[in-house]
Amino acid sequence: MLDDFDKAYGKIGLQLNLTETMFMKNGLVSYAPFTLNGTIISECSNYVYHGRKINIKNDLAPELSRGKRAAWGVSKSIEDVVKRTKST
């Protein structure tokens, strides 16, 4: 499948960045080296896609935790502004 992608990209003048390309697999797939044009493609257990953490188990706990940390970070960043607004 990745080879098909690479060929289709090549037809329109694009090239896959094989150092950035990774794959995920479930437990039903045994280990087998995954290569394209002699380059070994790395495996990952999760990644962030459009701001959402994706993993093979579809476990939402890490994503919810990441969302909470992001929300706290935003609230901390505006905390001083809110305090100044209340005191005026």
PDB file of N, CA and C in Angstrom:
ATOM      1  N   MET A   1       0.821  -1.192   0.000  1.00  0.00           N
ATOM      2  CA  MET A   1       0.000   0.000   0.000  1.00  0.00           C
ATOM      3  C   MET A   1       0.871   1.264   0.000  1.00  0.00           C
ATOM      4  N   LEU A   2       1.913   1.262   0.830  1.00  0.00           N
ATOM      5  CA  LEU A   2       2.798   2.425   0.876  1.00  0.00           C
ATOM      6  C   LEU A   2       3.509   2.613  -0.461  1.00  0.00           C
ATOM      7  N   ASP A   3       3.835   1.511  -1.110  1.00  0.00           N
ATOM      8  CA  ASP A   3       4.464   1.589  -2.428  1.00  0.00           C
ATOM      9  C   ASP A   3       3.509   2.243  -3.434  1.00  0.00           C
ATOM     10  N   ASP A   4       2.211   1.914  -3.344  1.00  0.00           N
ATOM     11  CA  ASP A   4       1.213   2.539  -4.223  1.00  0.00           C
ATOM     12  C   ASP A   4       1.138   4.045  -3.979  1.00  0.00           C
ATOM     13  N   PHE A   5       1.159   4.435  -2.700  1.00  0.00           N
ATOM     14  CA  PHE A   5       1.173   5.859  -2.335  1.00  0.00           C
ATOM     15  C   PHE A   5       2.378   6.550  -2.958  1.00  0.00           C
ATOM     16  N   ASP A   6       3.535   5.925  -2.787  1.00  0.00           N
ATOM     17  CA  ASP A   6       4.782   6.503  -3.289  1.00  0.00           C
ATOM     18  C   ASP A   6       4.713   6.698  -4.804  1.00  0.00           C
ATOM     19  N   LYS A   7       4.188   5.711  -5.518  1.00  0.00           N
ATOM     20  CA  LYS A   7       4.073   5.818  -6.977  1.00  0.00           C
ATOM     21  C   LYS A   7       3.089   6.912  -7.376  1.00  0.00           C
ATOM     22  N   ALA A   8       1.941   6.975  -6.684  1.00  0.00           N
ATOM     23  CA  ALA A   8       0.941   8.004  -6.996  1.00  0.00           C
ATOM     24  C   ALA A   8       1.498   9.397  -6.717  1.00  0.00           C
ATOM     25  N   TYR A   9       2.201   9.553  -5.586  1.00  0.00           N
ATOM     26  CA  TYR A   9       2.828  10.840  -5.269  1.00  0.00           C
ATOM     27  C   TYR A   9       3.830  11.225  -6.348  1.00  0.00           C
ATOM     28  N   GLY A  10       4.637  10.250  -6.788  1.00  0.00           N
ATOM     29  CA  GLY A  10       5.652  10.510  -7.805  1.00  0.00           C
ATOM     30  C   GLY A  10       5.057  11.003  -9.114  1.00  0.00           C
ATOM     31  N   LYS A  11       3.870  10.511  -9.465  1.00  0.00           N
ATOM     32  CA  LYS A  11       3.219  10.921 -10.713  1.00  0.00           C
ATOM     33  C   LYS A  11       2.851  12.394 -10.718  1.00  0.00           C
ATOM     34  N   ILE A  12       2.622  12.963  -9.527  1.00  0.00           N
ATOM     35  CA  ILE A  12       2.256  14.385  -9.466  1.00  0.00           C
ATOM     36  C   ILE A  12       3.398  15.244  -8.924  1.00  0.00           C
ATOM     37  N   GLY A  13       4.603  14.651  -8.879  1.00  0.00           N
ATOM     38  CA  GLY A  13       5.784  15.421  -8.510  1.00  0.00           C
ATOM     39  C   GLY A  13       6.046  15.531  -7.016  1.00  0.00           C
ATOM     40  N   LEU A  14       5.380  14.707  -6.206  1.00  0.00           N
ATOM     41  CA  LEU A  14       5.614  14.734  -4.761  1.00  0.00           C
ATOM     42  C   LEU A  14       6.444  13.528  -4.348  1.00  0.00           C
ATOM     43  N   GLN A  15       7.043  13.623  -3.164  1.00  0.00           N
ATOM     44  CA  GLN A  15       7.869  12.529  -2.670  1.00  0.00           C
ATOM     45  C   GLN A  15       7.575  12.320  -1.189  1.00  0.00           C
ATOM     46  N   LEU A  16       7.380  11.063  -0.780  1.00  0.00           N
ATOM     47  CA  LEU A  16       7.164  10.758   0.635  1.00  0.00           C
ATOM     48  C   LEU A  16       8.436  11.041   1.416  1.00  0.00           C
ATOM     49  N   ASN A  17       8.287  11.617   2.601  1.00  0.00           N
ATOM     50  CA  ASN A  17       9.421  11.826   3.491  1.00  0.00           C
ATOM     51  C   ASN A  17       9.556  10.562   4.340  1.00  0.00           C
ATOM     52  N   LEU A  18      10.414   9.659   3.931  1.00  0.00           N
ATOM     53  CA  LEU A  18      10.514   8.356   4.584  1.00  0.00           C
ATOM     54  C   LEU A  18      11.120   8.429   5.976  1.00  0.00           C
ATOM     55  N   THR A  19      11.820   9.512   6.295  1.00  0.00           N
ATOM     56  CA  THR A  19      12.350   9.639   7.657  1.00  0.00           C
ATOM     57  C   THR A  19      11.256  10.062   8.630  1.00  0.00           C
ATOM     58  N   GLU A  20      10.170  10.652   8.125  1.00  0.00           N
ATOM     59  CA  GLU A  20       9.054  11.080   8.973  1.00  0.00           C
ATOM     60  C   GLU A  20       7.877  10.100   8.932  1.00  0.00           C
ATOM     61  N   THR A  21       7.874   9.182   7.977  1.00  0.00           N
ATOM     62  CA  THR A  21       6.770   8.238   7.820  1.00  0.00           C
ATOM     63  C   THR A  21       6.869   7.147   8.874  1.00  0.00           C
ATOM     64  N   MET A  22       5.747   6.871   9.547  1.00  0.00           N
ATOM     65  CA  MET A  22       5.695   5.824  10.571  1.00  0.00           C
ATOM     66  C   MET A  22       4.421   5.016  10.375  1.00  0.00           C
ATOM     67  N   PHE A  23       4.345   3.864  11.031  1.00  0.00           N
ATOM     68  CA  PHE A  23       3.138   3.049  10.948  1.00  0.00           C
ATOM     69  C   PHE A  23       2.775   2.497  12.322  1.00  0.00           C
ATOM     70  N   MET A  24       1.494   2.149  12.477  1.00  0.00           N
ATOM     71  CA  MET A  24       1.004   1.484  13.687  1.00  0.00           C
ATOM     72  C   MET A  24       0.454   0.128  13.272  1.00  0.00           C
ATOM     73  N   LYS A  25       0.561  -0.846  14.166  1.00  0.00           N
ATOM     74  CA  LYS A  25      -0.023  -2.157  13.889  1.00  0.00           C
ATOM     75  C   LYS A  25      -0.716  -2.657  15.142  1.00  0.00           C
ATOM     76  N   ASN A  26      -1.702  -3.537  14.940  1.00  0.00           N
ATOM     77  CA  ASN A  26      -2.372  -4.118  16.094  1.00  0.00           C
ATOM     78  C   ASN A  26      -1.697  -5.432  16.475  1.00  0.00           C
ATOM     79  N   GLY A  27      -2.184  -6.066  17.533  1.00  0.00           N
ATOM     80  CA  GLY A  27      -1.576  -7.293  18.035  1.00  0.00           C
ATOM     81  C   GLY A  27      -1.732  -8.489  17.115  1.00  0.00           C
ATOM     82  N   LEU A  28      -2.582  -8.394  16.114  1.00  0.00           N
ATOM     83  CA  LEU A  28      -2.800  -9.514  15.197  1.00  0.00           C
ATOM     84  C   LEU A  28      -1.705  -9.624  14.144  1.00  0.00           C
ATOM     85  N   VAL A  29      -0.897  -8.590  14.029  1.00  0.00           N
ATOM     86  CA  VAL A  29       0.164  -8.576  13.016  1.00  0.00           C
ATOM     87  C   VAL A  29       1.475  -8.971  13.673  1.00  0.00           C
ATOM     88  N   SER A  30       2.120  -9.978  13.123  1.00  0.00           N
ATOM     89  CA  SER A  30       3.416 -10.375  13.672  1.00  0.00           C
ATOM     90  C   SER A  30       4.489  -9.390  13.202  1.00  0.00           C
ATOM     91  N   TYR A  31       5.637  -9.451  13.840  1.00  0.00           N
ATOM     92  CA  TYR A  31       6.721  -8.546  13.470  1.00  0.00           C
ATOM     93  C   TYR A  31       7.226  -8.888  12.074  1.00  0.00           C
ATOM     94  N   ALA A  32       7.382  -7.897  11.289  1.00  0.00           N
ATOM     95  CA  ALA A  32       8.016  -8.033   9.977  1.00  0.00           C
ATOM     96  C   ALA A  32       8.605  -6.674   9.645  1.00  0.00           C
ATOM     97  N   PRO A  33       9.851  -6.622   9.179  1.00  0.00           N
ATOM     98  CA  PRO A  33      10.418  -5.324   8.826  1.00  0.00           C
ATOM     99  C   PRO A  33       9.592  -4.680   7.711  1.00  0.00           C
ATOM    100  N   PHE A  34       9.347  -3.407   7.845  1.00  0.00           N
ATOM    101  CA  PHE A  34       8.514  -2.665   6.905  1.00  0.00           C
ATOM    102  C   PHE A  34       9.426  -1.680   6.199  1.00  0.00           C
ATOM    103  N   THR A  35       9.640  -1.868   4.910  1.00  0.00           N
ATOM    104  CA  THR A  35      10.570  -1.011   4.169  1.00  0.00           C
ATOM    105  C   THR A  35       9.932  -0.485   2.890  1.00  0.00           C
ATOM    106  N   LEU A  36      10.469   0.614   2.427  1.00  0.00           N
ATOM    107  CA  LEU A  36      10.090   1.178   1.132  1.00  0.00           C
ATOM    108  C   LEU A  36      11.352   1.744   0.507  1.00  0.00           C
ATOM    109  N   ASN A  37      11.655   1.316  -0.691  1.00  0.00           N
ATOM    110  CA  ASN A  37      12.864   1.756  -1.402  1.00  0.00           C
ATOM    111  C   ASN A  37      14.117   1.554  -0.553  1.00  0.00           C
ATOM    112  N   GLY A  38      14.152   0.467   0.214  1.00  0.00           N
ATOM    113  CA  GLY A  38      15.310   0.155   1.041  1.00  0.00           C
ATOM    114  C   GLY A  38      15.373   0.896   2.363  1.00  0.00           C
ATOM    115  N   THR A  39      14.428   1.783   2.631  1.00  0.00           N
ATOM    116  CA  THR A  39      14.400   2.534   3.888  1.00  0.00           C
ATOM    117  C   THR A  39      13.448   1.847   4.860  1.00  0.00           C
ATOM    118  N   ILE A  40      13.930   1.578   6.073  1.00  0.00           N
ATOM    119  CA  ILE A  40      13.085   0.957   7.094  1.00  0.00           C
ATOM    120  C   ILE A  40      12.124   2.007   7.642  1.00  0.00           C
ATOM    121  N   ILE A  41      10.839   1.670   7.660  1.00  0.00           N
ATOM    122  CA  ILE A  41       9.804   2.561   8.188  1.00  0.00           C
ATOM    123  C   ILE A  41       9.614   2.239   9.665  1.00  0.00           C
ATOM    124  N   SER A  42       9.673   3.247  10.513  1.00  0.00           N
ATOM    125  CA  SER A  42       9.563   3.063  11.960  1.00  0.00           C
ATOM    126  C   SER A  42       8.131   2.783  12.384  1.00  0.00           C
ATOM    127  N   GLU A  43       8.009   2.085  13.514  1.00  0.00           N
ATOM    128  CA  GLU A  43       6.699   1.797  14.092  1.00  0.00           C
ATOM    129  C   GLU A  43       6.453   2.762  15.248  1.00  0.00           C
ATOM    130  N   CYS A  44       5.203   3.168  15.445  1.00  0.00           N
ATOM    131  CA  CYS A  44       4.858   4.013  16.586  1.00  0.00           C
ATOM    132  C   CYS A  44       3.633   3.425  17.279  1.00  0.00           C
ATOM    133  N   SER A  45       3.463   3.750  18.550  1.00  0.00           N
ATOM    134  CA  SER A  45       2.308   3.242  19.297  1.00  0.00           C
ATOM    135  C   SER A  45       1.205   4.288  19.386  1.00  0.00           C
ATOM    136  N   ASN A  46       1.537   5.559  19.151  1.00  0.00           N
ATOM    137  CA  ASN A  46       0.524   6.617  19.142  1.00  0.00           C
ATOM    138  C   ASN A  46       1.087   7.835  18.411  1.00  0.00           C
ATOM    139  N   TYR A  47       0.194   8.744  18.038  1.00  0.00           N
ATOM    140  CA  TYR A  47       0.602   9.991  17.392  1.00  0.00           C
ATOM    141  C   TYR A  47      -0.521  11.004  17.529  1.00  0.00           C
ATOM    142  N   VAL A  48      -0.216  12.264  17.270  1.00  0.00           N
ATOM    143  CA  VAL A  48      -1.224  13.323  17.344  1.00  0.00           C
ATOM    144  C   VAL A  48      -1.655  13.651  15.920  1.00  0.00           C
ATOM    145  N   TYR A  49      -2.953  13.573  15.675  1.00  0.00           N
ATOM    146  CA  TYR A  49      -3.526  13.827  14.356  1.00  0.00           C
ATOM    147  C   TYR A  49      -4.612  14.869  14.508  1.00  0.00           C
ATOM    148  N   HIS A  50      -4.450  16.011  13.858  1.00  0.00           N
ATOM    149  CA  HIS A  50      -5.404  17.125  13.965  1.00  0.00           C
ATOM    150  C   HIS A  50      -5.700  17.461  15.428  1.00  0.00           C
ATOM    151  N   GLY A  51      -4.648  17.470  16.251  1.00  0.00           N
ATOM    152  CA  GLY A  51      -4.788  17.864  17.644  1.00  0.00           C
ATOM    153  C   GLY A  51      -5.311  16.785  18.571  1.00  0.00           C
ATOM    154  N   ARG A  52      -5.552  15.581  18.067  1.00  0.00           N
ATOM    155  CA  ARG A  52      -6.066  14.506  18.914  1.00  0.00           C
ATOM    156  C   ARG A  52      -5.067  13.363  18.949  1.00  0.00           C
ATOM    157  N   LYS A  53      -4.779  12.868  20.171  1.00  0.00           N
ATOM    158  CA  LYS A  53      -3.837  11.769  20.307  1.00  0.00           C
ATOM    159  C   LYS A  53      -4.522  10.460  19.919  1.00  0.00           C
ATOM    160  N   ILE A  54      -3.958   9.765  18.952  1.00  0.00           N
ATOM    161  CA  ILE A  54      -4.499   8.521  18.420  1.00  0.00           C
ATOM    162  C   ILE A  54      -3.607   7.368  18.868  1.00  0.00           C
ATOM    163  N   ASN A  55      -4.222   6.256  19.297  1.00  0.00           N
ATOM    164  CA  ASN A  55      -3.442   5.056  19.578  1.00  0.00           C
ATOM    165  C   ASN A  55      -4.192   3.836  19.063  1.00  0.00           C
ATOM    166  N   ILE A  56      -3.506   2.730  18.938  1.00  0.00           N
ATOM    167  CA  ILE A  56      -4.074   1.545  18.303  1.00  0.00           C
ATOM    168  C   ILE A  56      -5.207   0.946  19.128  1.00  0.00           C
ATOM    169  N   LYS A  57      -5.192   1.159  20.447  1.00  0.00           N
ATOM    170  CA  LYS A  57      -6.241   0.605  21.309  1.00  0.00           C
ATOM    171  C   LYS A  57      -7.467   1.506  21.368  1.00  0.00           C
ATOM    172  N   ASN A  58      -7.386   2.673  20.754  1.00  0.00           N
ATOM    173  CA  ASN A  58      -8.430   3.694  20.820  1.00  0.00           C
ATOM    174  C   ASN A  58      -8.716   4.071  22.272  1.00  0.00           C
ATOM    175  N   ASP A  59      -7.671   4.045  23.099  1.00  0.00           N
ATOM    176  CA  ASP A  59      -7.763   4.399  24.512  1.00  0.00           C
ATOM    177  C   ASP A  59      -7.783   5.920  24.625  1.00  0.00           C
ATOM    178  N   LEU A  60      -8.853   6.464  25.189  1.00  0.00           N
ATOM    179  CA  LEU A  60      -8.995   7.916  25.250  1.00  0.00           C
ATOM    180  C   LEU A  60      -8.352   8.536  26.489  1.00  0.00           C
ATOM    181  N   ALA A  61      -7.913   7.730  27.461  1.00  0.00           N
ATOM    182  CA  ALA A  61      -7.336   8.278  28.695  1.00  0.00           C
ATOM    183  C   ALA A  61      -6.162   9.223  28.425  1.00  0.00           C
ATOM    184  N   PRO A  62      -5.181   8.841  27.589  1.00  0.00           N
ATOM    185  CA  PRO A  62      -4.083   9.786  27.326  1.00  0.00           C
ATOM    186  C   PRO A  62      -4.572  11.076  26.671  1.00  0.00           C
ATOM    187  N   GLU A  63      -5.558  10.963  25.783  1.00  0.00           N
ATOM    188  CA  GLU A  63      -6.085  12.150  25.108  1.00  0.00           C
ATOM    189  C   GLU A  63      -6.802  13.052  26.098  1.00  0.00           C
ATOM    190  N   LEU A  64      -7.590  12.475  27.004  1.00  0.00           N
ATOM    191  CA  LEU A  64      -8.296  13.277  28.002  1.00  0.00           C
ATOM    192  C   LEU A  64      -7.303  13.971  28.929  1.00  0.00           C
ATOM    193  N   SER A  65      -6.273  13.253  29.322  1.00  0.00           N
ATOM    194  CA  SER A  65      -5.234  13.835  30.177  1.00  0.00           C
ATOM    195  C   SER A  65      -4.526  14.979  29.457  1.00  0.00           C
ATOM    196  N   ARG A  66      -4.222  14.783  28.184  1.00  0.00           N
ATOM    197  CA  ARG A  66      -3.567  15.825  27.381  1.00  0.00           C
ATOM    198  C   ARG A  66      -4.465  17.049  27.269  1.00  0.00           C
ATOM    199  N   GLY A  67      -5.765  16.817  27.087  1.00  0.00           N
ATOM    200  CA  GLY A  67      -6.723  17.925  27.006  1.00  0.00           C
ATOM    201  C   GLY A  67      -6.804  18.711  28.304  1.00  0.00           C
ATOM    202  N   LYS A  68      -6.792  17.999  29.437  1.00  0.00           N
ATOM    203  CA  LYS A  68      -6.829  18.676  30.748  1.00  0.00           C
ATOM    204  C   LYS A  68      -5.586  19.537  30.946  1.00  0.00           C
ATOM    205  N   ARG A  69      -4.421  18.972  30.605  1.00  0.00           N
ATOM    206  CA  ARG A  69      -3.177  19.740  30.757  1.00  0.00           C
ATOM    207  C   ARG A  69      -3.208  20.986  29.884  1.00  0.00           C
ATOM    208  N   ALA A  70      -3.729  20.855  28.675  1.00  0.00           N
ATOM    209  CA  ALA A  70      -3.815  22.007  27.771  1.00  0.00           C
ATOM    210  C   ALA A  70      -4.759  23.061  28.338  1.00  0.00           C
ATOM    211  N   ALA A  71      -5.889  22.618  28.894  1.00  0.00           N
ATOM    212  CA  ALA A  71      -6.857  23.559  29.476  1.00  0.00           C
ATOM    213  C   ALA A  71      -6.256  24.283  30.674  1.00  0.00           C
ATOM    214  N   TRP A  72      -5.550  23.553  31.540  1.00  0.00           N
ATOM    215  CA  TRP A  72      -4.904  24.194  32.686  1.00  0.00           C
ATOM    216  C   TRP A  72      -3.834  25.176  32.216  1.00  0.00           C
ATOM    217  N   GLY A  73      -3.113  24.809  31.184  1.00  0.00           N
ATOM    218  CA  GLY A  73      -2.087  25.708  30.656  1.00  0.00           C
ATOM    219  C   GLY A  73      -2.679  27.013  30.165  1.00  0.00           C
ATOM    220  N   VAL A  74      -3.810  26.940  29.483  1.00  0.00           N
ATOM    221  CA  VAL A  74      -4.477  28.146  28.990  1.00  0.00           C
ATOM    222  C   VAL A  74      -4.990  28.971  30.154  1.00  0.00           C
ATOM    223  N   SER A  75      -5.618  28.318  31.138  1.00  0.00           N
ATOM    224  CA  SER A  75      -6.164  29.077  32.270  1.00  0.00           C
ATOM    225  C   SER A  75      -5.046  29.751  33.062  1.00  0.00           C
ATOM    226  N   LYS A  76      -3.908  29.088  33.193  1.00  0.00           N
ATOM    227  CA  LYS A  76      -2.774  29.705  33.897  1.00  0.00           C
ATOM    228  C   LYS A  76      -2.231  30.895  33.114  1.00  0.00           C
ATOM    229  N   SER A  77      -2.251  30.796  31.790  1.00  0.00           N
ATOM    230  CA  SER A  77      -1.688  31.874  30.979  1.00  0.00           C
ATOM    231  C   SER A  77      -2.531  33.147  31.050  1.00  0.00           C
ATOM    232  N   ILE A  78      -3.819  33.038  31.353  1.00  0.00           N
ATOM    233  CA  ILE A  78      -4.672  34.235  31.441  1.00  0.00           C
ATOM    234  C   ILE A  78      -5.015  34.594  32.884  1.00  0.00           C
ATOM    235  N   GLU A  79      -4.463  33.857  33.844  1.00  0.00           N
ATOM    236  CA  GLU A  79      -4.769  34.073  35.261  1.00  0.00           C
ATOM    237  C   GLU A  79      -4.462  35.507  35.699  1.00  0.00           C
ATOM    238  N   ASP A  80      -3.315  36.029  35.320  1.00  0.00           N
ATOM    239  CA  ASP A  80      -2.941  37.391  35.712  1.00  0.00           C
ATOM    240  C   ASP A  80      -3.901  38.427  35.136  1.00  0.00           C
ATOM    241  N   VAL A  81      -4.304  38.227  33.894  1.00  0.00           N
ATOM    242  CA  VAL A  81      -5.236  39.162  33.256  1.00  0.00           C
ATOM    243  C   VAL A  81      -6.567  39.159  33.993  1.00  0.00           C
ATOM    244  N   VAL A  82      -7.049  37.983  34.362  1.00  0.00           N
ATOM    245  CA  VAL A  82      -8.324  37.873  35.077  1.00  0.00           C
ATOM    246  C   VAL A  82      -8.222  38.550  36.441  1.00  0.00           C
ATOM    247  N   LYS A  83      -7.123  38.340  37.155  1.00  0.00           N
ATOM    248  CA  LYS A  83      -6.935  38.967  38.470  1.00  0.00           C
ATOM    249  C   LYS A  83      -6.909  40.487  38.351  1.00  0.00           C
ATOM    250  N   ARG A  84      -6.196  40.996  37.333  1.00  0.00           N
ATOM    251  CA  ARG A  84      -6.137  42.448  37.142  1.00  0.00           C
ATOM    252  C   ARG A  84      -7.506  43.011  36.794  1.00  0.00           C
ATOM    253  N   THR A  85      -8.276  42.281  36.002  1.00  0.00           N
ATOM    254  CA  THR A  85      -9.613  42.731  35.608  1.00  0.00           C
ATOM    255  C   THR A  85     -10.532  42.788  36.821  1.00  0.00           C
ATOM    256  N   LYS A  86     -10.439  41.804  37.711  1.00  0.00           N
ATOM    257  CA  LYS A  86     -11.284  41.765  38.909  1.00  0.00           C
ATOM    258  C   LYS A  86     -10.939  42.900  39.868  1.00  0.00           C
ATOM    259  N   SER A  87      -9.676  43.269  39.948  1.00  0.00           N
ATOM    260  CA  SER A  87      -9.262  44.302  40.902  1.00  0.00           C
ATOM    261  C   SER A  87      -9.503  45.717  40.385  1.00  0.00           C
ATOM    262  N   THR A  88      -9.896  45.875  39.132  1.00  0.00           N
ATOM    263  CA  THR A  88     -10.174  47.216  38.604  1.00  0.00           C
ATOM    264  C   THR A  88     -11.612  47.569  38.681  1.00  0.00           C
TER     265      THR A  88
END
